[in-house]
């Protein structure tokens, strides 16, 4: 086990951490398991980073623009009535930044039953009265990334998870992966992604290396730079030492450019913010 993981275990102590996977300077991925549970864990909102990456793959292929209107992309699936006319202004980039106008916490399947949203999640979302004018403020919701999953599916011509397998996950040598779907069979996009921590950390490696995975181009440097600078499901900490994405119950994908390190944390109610702060201050060493 690496010195980093040994020190991490001492720092974590009795916190309810399941696994920590880490890679430093492009070396081998090492995983520390602290709790014997299923190999694949729900990483909750870290799923948004995978959805955002699928959009990046479409962007790289010239199949998607950030200024595209969501209603235009989904034109043949829009509800026939009940939509706020302001939806016509909502773009892909607004959804990436949670600036659509949806209420905070909208479409939270981790808290509410699916039946609360009816069988048709798309109709439910697009007929929701908007809480504010699109692009005037940010309110975090799973609804934004469900819409992005539907946009990615439409642009790719296949389900989001199938597209990611074909374009990225096989190239990253993923093991098993499963993603929650809405009642009509579409990937949720915002949450419900079950993966290994050792696979989760690979996405951090891709952004750390500007779209390369072990020297092979899998995503453009233009997209990785844009995603990190704009905060598309990857956000800098207050000291700008690390960036990443957190998820419910203490999940975290953490990238520390100054250390050339990526870390994936899976837990059940650990203080991932405290762990991320410790990682940011660990230094560029094994």
Protein backbone atom coordinates (compact mmCIF):
# COMPACT_ATOMS: atom_id res chain seq x y z
CA UNK A 1 0.00 0.00 0.00
CA UNK A 2 1.29 3.48 -0.87
CA UNK A 3 2.46 5.92 1.78
CA UNK A 4 -0.40 8.19 0.74
CA UNK A 5 -3.03 5.53 1.44
CA UNK A 6 -1.40 4.61 4.75
CA UNK A 7 -1.49 8.26 5.80
CA UNK A 8 -5.04 8.57 4.50
CA UNK A 9 -6.16 5.62 6.61
CA UNK A 10 -4.65 7.21 9.71
CA UNK A 11 -6.36 10.51 8.93
CA UNK A 12 -9.74 8.95 8.24
CA UNK A 13 -9.69 6.99 11.47
CA UNK A 14 -13.11 5.54 12.28
CA UNK A 15 -14.97 7.47 9.58
CA UNK A 16 -17.42 5.32 7.56
CA UNK A 17 -15.25 5.13 4.44
CA UNK A 18 -15.71 2.16 2.12
CA UNK A 19 -12.82 2.53 -0.32
CA UNK A 20 -10.19 5.00 -1.47
CA UNK A 21 -8.55 4.60 -4.87
CA UNK A 22 -5.56 6.74 -5.76
CA UNK A 23 -3.14 7.27 -8.64
CA UNK A 24 -0.06 9.49 -8.42
CA UNK A 25 1.95 10.76 -11.38
CA UNK A 26 0.39 8.27 -13.78
CA UNK A 27 1.49 5.22 -11.82
CA UNK A 28 -0.59 2.20 -10.91
CA UNK A 29 -4.00 2.67 -9.33
CA UNK A 30 -4.02 1.51 -5.72
CA UNK A 31 -7.16 0.84 -3.72
CA UNK A 32 -7.57 0.70 0.04
CA UNK A 33 -10.71 -1.11 1.19
CA UNK A 34 -11.86 -0.24 4.69
CA UNK A 35 -15.31 -1.79 4.64
CA UNK A 36 -16.30 -5.09 3.00
CA UNK A 37 -19.31 -4.30 0.86
CA UNK A 38 -20.36 -4.74 -2.77
CA UNK A 39 -17.62 -3.89 -5.26
CA UNK A 40 -19.84 -1.45 -7.20
CA UNK A 41 -21.15 1.47 -5.19
CA UNK A 42 -23.62 4.23 -6.01
CA UNK A 43 -21.52 7.35 -6.42
CA UNK A 44 -24.63 9.56 -6.49
CA UNK A 45 -23.90 13.01 -7.96
CA UNK A 46 -20.42 12.05 -9.16
CA UNK A 47 -22.51 10.56 -11.98
CA UNK A 48 -22.96 14.11 -13.27
CA UNK A 49 -19.27 14.22 -14.20
CA UNK A 50 -19.74 11.15 -16.41
CA UNK A 51 -22.79 12.72 -18.07
CA UNK A 52 -20.84 15.93 -18.62
CA UNK A 53 -18.00 13.89 -20.15
CA UNK A 54 -20.42 12.22 -22.58
CA UNK A 55 -21.43 15.69 -23.72
CA UNK A 56 -17.73 16.47 -24.16
CA UNK A 57 -17.32 13.44 -26.40
CA UNK A 58 -20.22 14.66 -28.53
CA UNK A 59 -18.73 18.17 -28.55
CA UNK A 60 -15.40 16.76 -29.75
CA UNK A 61 -17.17 14.99 -32.61
CA UNK A 62 -18.93 18.17 -33.72
CA UNK A 63 -22.32 16.73 -32.76
CA UNK A 64 -23.13 19.19 -29.97
CA UNK A 65 -22.75 22.89 -29.27
CA UNK A 66 -23.01 24.44 -25.82
CA UNK A 67 -25.35 27.14 -27.06
CA UNK A 68 -27.84 24.66 -28.52
CA UNK A 69 -31.36 25.00 -27.20
CA UNK A 70 -32.54 21.96 -25.26
CA UNK A 71 -36.03 22.26 -26.71
CA UNK A 72 -34.61 22.21 -30.22
CA UNK A 73 -32.61 19.03 -29.55
CA UNK A 74 -35.62 17.30 -27.98
CA UNK A 75 -38.18 18.84 -30.35
CA UNK A 76 -39.94 15.57 -31.22
CA UNK A 77 -40.28 14.57 -27.54
CA UNK A 78 -41.64 17.78 -26.04
CA UNK A 79 -44.98 17.65 -24.18
CA UNK A 80 -47.82 18.98 -26.35
CA UNK A 81 -48.94 21.48 -23.72
CA UNK A 82 -48.11 22.92 -20.31
CA UNK A 83 -44.57 24.19 -20.97
CA UNK A 84 -43.39 27.53 -19.62
CA UNK A 85 -42.46 29.55 -22.76
CA UNK A 86 -39.15 30.46 -21.10
CA UNK A 87 -37.96 26.89 -21.72
CA UNK A 88 -37.30 27.99 -25.30
CA UNK A 89 -34.30 29.98 -24.05
CA UNK A 90 -32.65 27.14 -22.09
CA UNK A 91 -29.34 25.91 -23.52
CA UNK A 92 -27.03 22.95 -22.91
CA UNK A 93 -24.52 25.17 -21.12
CA UNK A 94 -27.20 26.54 -18.81
CA UNK A 95 -28.06 22.96 -17.82
CA UNK A 96 -24.39 22.14 -17.19
CA UNK A 97 -24.25 25.11 -14.81
CA UNK A 98 -27.68 24.47 -13.17
CA UNK A 99 -29.00 27.74 -14.59
CA UNK A 100 -32.16 26.44 -16.27
CA UNK A 101 -34.72 27.99 -13.94
CA UNK A 102 -35.67 24.74 -12.22
CA UNK A 103 -36.32 24.80 -8.45
CA UNK A 104 -33.42 23.68 -6.26
CA UNK A 105 -33.42 19.94 -5.60
CA UNK A 106 -35.80 19.20 -8.46
CA UNK A 107 -36.18 15.51 -9.55
CA UNK A 108 -34.23 14.07 -6.62
CA UNK A 109 -34.71 10.30 -7.05
CA UNK A 110 -32.36 9.62 -4.11
CA UNK A 111 -34.85 11.21 -1.74
CA UNK A 112 -38.24 10.83 -3.43
CA UNK A 113 -40.03 7.85 -4.95
CA UNK A 114 -40.07 7.64 -8.72
CA UNK A 115 -43.88 7.72 -8.66
CA UNK A 116 -43.66 11.26 -7.28
CA UNK A 117 -42.46 12.34 -10.73
CA UNK A 118 -45.00 10.33 -12.79
CA UNK A 119 -43.89 7.78 -15.37
CA UNK A 120 -42.69 10.38 -17.86
CA UNK A 121 -39.78 12.27 -16.24
CA UNK A 122 -39.22 14.43 -19.33
CA UNK A 123 -42.80 15.68 -19.43
CA UNK A 124 -42.74 16.18 -15.65
CA UNK A 125 -39.59 18.29 -15.91
CA UNK A 126 -40.59 20.39 -18.91
CA UNK A 127 -44.04 21.17 -17.52
CA UNK A 128 -42.59 22.27 -14.18
CA UNK A 129 -43.25 25.98 -13.55
CA UNK A 130 -39.83 27.61 -13.73
CA UNK A 131 -38.69 29.26 -10.51
CA UNK A 132 -36.72 32.01 -12.28
CA UNK A 133 -35.64 33.19 -15.73
CA UNK A 134 -33.10 30.80 -17.30
CA UNK A 135 -29.46 31.91 -16.94
CA UNK A 136 -30.15 34.51 -14.25
CA UNK A 137 -29.05 32.39 -11.28
CA UNK A 138 -27.89 28.89 -10.36
CA UNK A 139 -29.94 26.38 -8.37
CA UNK A 140 -28.59 22.85 -8.13
CA UNK A 141 -30.91 20.06 -9.24
CA UNK A 142 -30.85 16.55 -10.67
CA UNK A 143 -33.42 17.68 -13.22
CA UNK A 144 -30.78 19.62 -15.17
CA UNK A 145 -28.60 16.55 -15.65
CA UNK A 146 -31.53 14.30 -16.48
CA UNK A 147 -32.26 16.67 -19.35
CA UNK A 148 -28.58 16.54 -20.37
CA UNK A 149 -28.71 12.73 -20.37
CA UNK A 150 -31.69 12.92 -22.72
CA UNK A 151 -29.83 15.42 -24.92
CA UNK A 152 -26.79 13.12 -25.05
CA UNK A 153 -29.00 10.15 -25.93
CA UNK A 154 -30.66 12.08 -28.74
CA UNK A 155 -27.36 13.32 -30.17
CA UNK A 156 -25.62 9.95 -29.87
CA UNK A 157 -28.53 7.96 -31.23
CA UNK A 158 -28.26 5.48 -28.38
CA UNK A 159 -28.65 5.38 -24.57
CA UNK A 160 -26.12 7.41 -22.60
CA UNK A 161 -24.54 4.39 -20.92
CA UNK A 162 -24.17 2.53 -24.24
CA UNK A 163 -22.53 5.60 -25.79
CA UNK A 164 -20.05 5.88 -22.93
CA UNK A 165 -19.14 2.19 -23.20
CA UNK A 166 -18.49 2.54 -26.93
CA UNK A 167 -16.54 5.78 -26.77
CA UNK A 168 -14.78 5.87 -23.41
CA UNK A 169 -15.29 3.22 -20.74
CA UNK A 170 -13.87 0.31 -22.74
CA UNK A 171 -10.84 2.46 -23.56
CA UNK A 172 -10.41 3.11 -19.82
CA UNK A 173 -10.60 -0.65 -19.17
CA UNK A 174 -13.65 -0.37 -16.90
CA UNK A 175 -15.03 -3.40 -15.15
CA UNK A 176 -18.78 -3.58 -14.51
CA UNK A 177 -20.99 -0.50 -14.37
CA UNK A 178 -24.72 0.02 -13.93
CA UNK A 179 -26.81 3.18 -14.12
CA UNK A 180 -30.32 3.85 -12.85
CA UNK A 181 -33.02 4.53 -15.44
CA UNK A 182 -36.29 6.42 -15.34
CA UNK A 183 -39.54 4.44 -15.71
CA UNK A 184 -39.41 4.91 -19.49
CA UNK A 185 -35.92 3.42 -19.73
CA UNK A 186 -33.71 6.52 -20.06
CA UNK A 187 -30.51 6.91 -18.03
CA UNK A 188 -31.02 9.26 -15.07
CA UNK A 189 -27.71 11.03 -15.72
CA UNK A 190 -27.64 12.98 -12.46
CA UNK A 191 -27.17 10.13 -9.99
CA UNK A 192 -27.60 6.37 -9.61
CA UNK A 193 -24.25 5.34 -11.16
CA UNK A 194 -22.77 2.14 -9.67
CA UNK A 195 -19.03 1.70 -10.36
CA UNK A 196 -15.78 0.49 -8.82
CA UNK A 197 -13.68 3.15 -7.08
CA UNK A 198 -10.68 2.07 -9.17
CA UNK A 199 -12.69 2.90 -12.30
CA UNK A 200 -14.10 6.10 -10.85
CA UNK A 201 -10.58 7.48 -10.35
CA UNK A 202 -9.76 6.93 -14.04
CA UNK A 203 -12.05 9.78 -15.02
CA UNK A 204 -10.03 12.00 -12.70
CA UNK A 205 -6.89 10.87 -14.52
CA UNK A 206 -8.39 11.94 -17.85
CA UNK A 207 -9.10 15.48 -16.64
CA UNK A 208 -5.77 15.67 -14.82
CA UNK A 209 -3.92 14.87 -18.06
CA UNK A 210 -5.92 17.13 -20.34
CA UNK A 211 -7.93 14.37 -21.99
CA UNK A 212 -5.23 11.71 -22.13
CA UNK A 213 -5.42 8.33 -20.44
CA UNK A 214 -1.99 6.77 -20.02
CA UNK A 215 -0.74 8.71 -23.02
CA UNK A 216 -3.68 7.96 -25.31
CA UNK A 217 -6.11 10.69 -26.32
CA UNK A 218 -9.68 9.87 -25.19
CA UNK A 219 -11.10 13.39 -24.78
CA UNK A 220 -9.98 16.71 -26.22
CA UNK A 221 -7.82 19.08 -24.22
CA UNK A 222 -10.22 21.81 -25.31
CA UNK A 223 -13.14 20.11 -23.53
CA UNK A 224 -11.25 19.20 -20.36
CA UNK A 225 -9.97 22.77 -20.05
CA UNK A 226 -13.43 24.19 -20.69
CA UNK A 227 -15.10 21.84 -18.22
CA UNK A 228 -12.65 22.66 -15.41
CA UNK A 229 -12.53 26.41 -16.05
CA UNK A 230 -16.32 26.77 -16.39
CA UNK A 231 -17.21 24.37 -13.58
CA UNK A 232 -19.12 21.77 -15.56
CA UNK A 233 -19.67 19.17 -12.80
CA UNK A 234 -16.10 19.82 -11.62
CA UNK A 235 -15.48 22.61 -9.14
CA UNK A 236 -12.36 24.08 -7.57
CA UNK A 237 -11.98 24.23 -3.80
CA UNK A 238 -11.69 27.60 -2.10
CA UNK A 239 -7.87 27.60 -2.26
CA UNK A 240 -7.85 26.36 -5.88
CA UNK A 241 -5.61 23.46 -4.94
CA UNK A 242 -7.98 20.75 -6.10
CA UNK A 243 -11.13 20.33 -8.12
CA UNK A 244 -13.68 17.55 -8.34
CA UNK A 245 -17.22 16.43 -7.72
CA UNK A 246 -18.93 15.26 -4.57
CA UNK A 247 -21.93 13.02 -4.10
CA UNK A 248 -24.46 12.15 -1.44
CA UNK A 249 -23.17 10.26 1.64
CA UNK A 250 -19.59 11.38 1.12
CA UNK A 251 -18.67 10.22 -2.39
CA UNK A 252 -15.92 12.27 -4.00
CA UNK A 253 -13.77 12.44 -7.10
CA UNK A 254 -10.77 14.65 -6.31
CA UNK A 255 -8.09 15.92 -8.69
CA UNK A 256 -5.00 17.73 -7.33
CA UNK A 257 -3.04 19.12 -10.29
CA UNK A 258 -0.10 20.35 -8.19
CA UNK A 259 0.44 16.80 -6.92
CA UNK A 260 -0.40 15.06 -10.22
CA UNK A 261 -2.83 13.01 -8.14
CA UNK A 262 -6.39 11.76 -8.59
CA UNK A 263 -8.40 10.18 -5.78
CA UNK A 264 -11.79 8.46 -5.63
CA UNK A 265 -13.57 8.18 -2.28
CA UNK A 266 -16.58 5.94 -1.67
CA UNK A 267 -18.25 6.10 1.72
CA UNK A 268 -21.47 6.12 3.62
CA UNK A 269 -21.69 9.47 5.39
CA UNK A 270 -17.99 10.30 5.72
CA UNK A 271 -16.92 13.96 5.72
CA UNK A 272 -15.56 14.03 2.18
CA UNK A 273 -14.85 17.76 2.36
CA UNK A 274 -12.45 17.20 5.28
CA UNK A 275 -10.77 14.33 3.43
CA UNK A 276 -10.41 16.49 0.30
CA UNK A 277 -8.80 19.27 2.35
CA UNK A 278 -6.31 16.78 3.80
CA UNK A 279 -5.51 15.43 0.34
CA UNK A 280 -4.97 18.95 -1.02
CA UNK A 281 -2.39 19.61 1.68
CA UNK A 282 -0.63 16.25 1.45
CA UNK A 283 2.01 17.36 -1.03
CA UNK A 284 3.55 15.98 -4.19
CA UNK A 285 4.88 12.73 -2.76
CA UNK A 286 3.98 9.02 -2.85
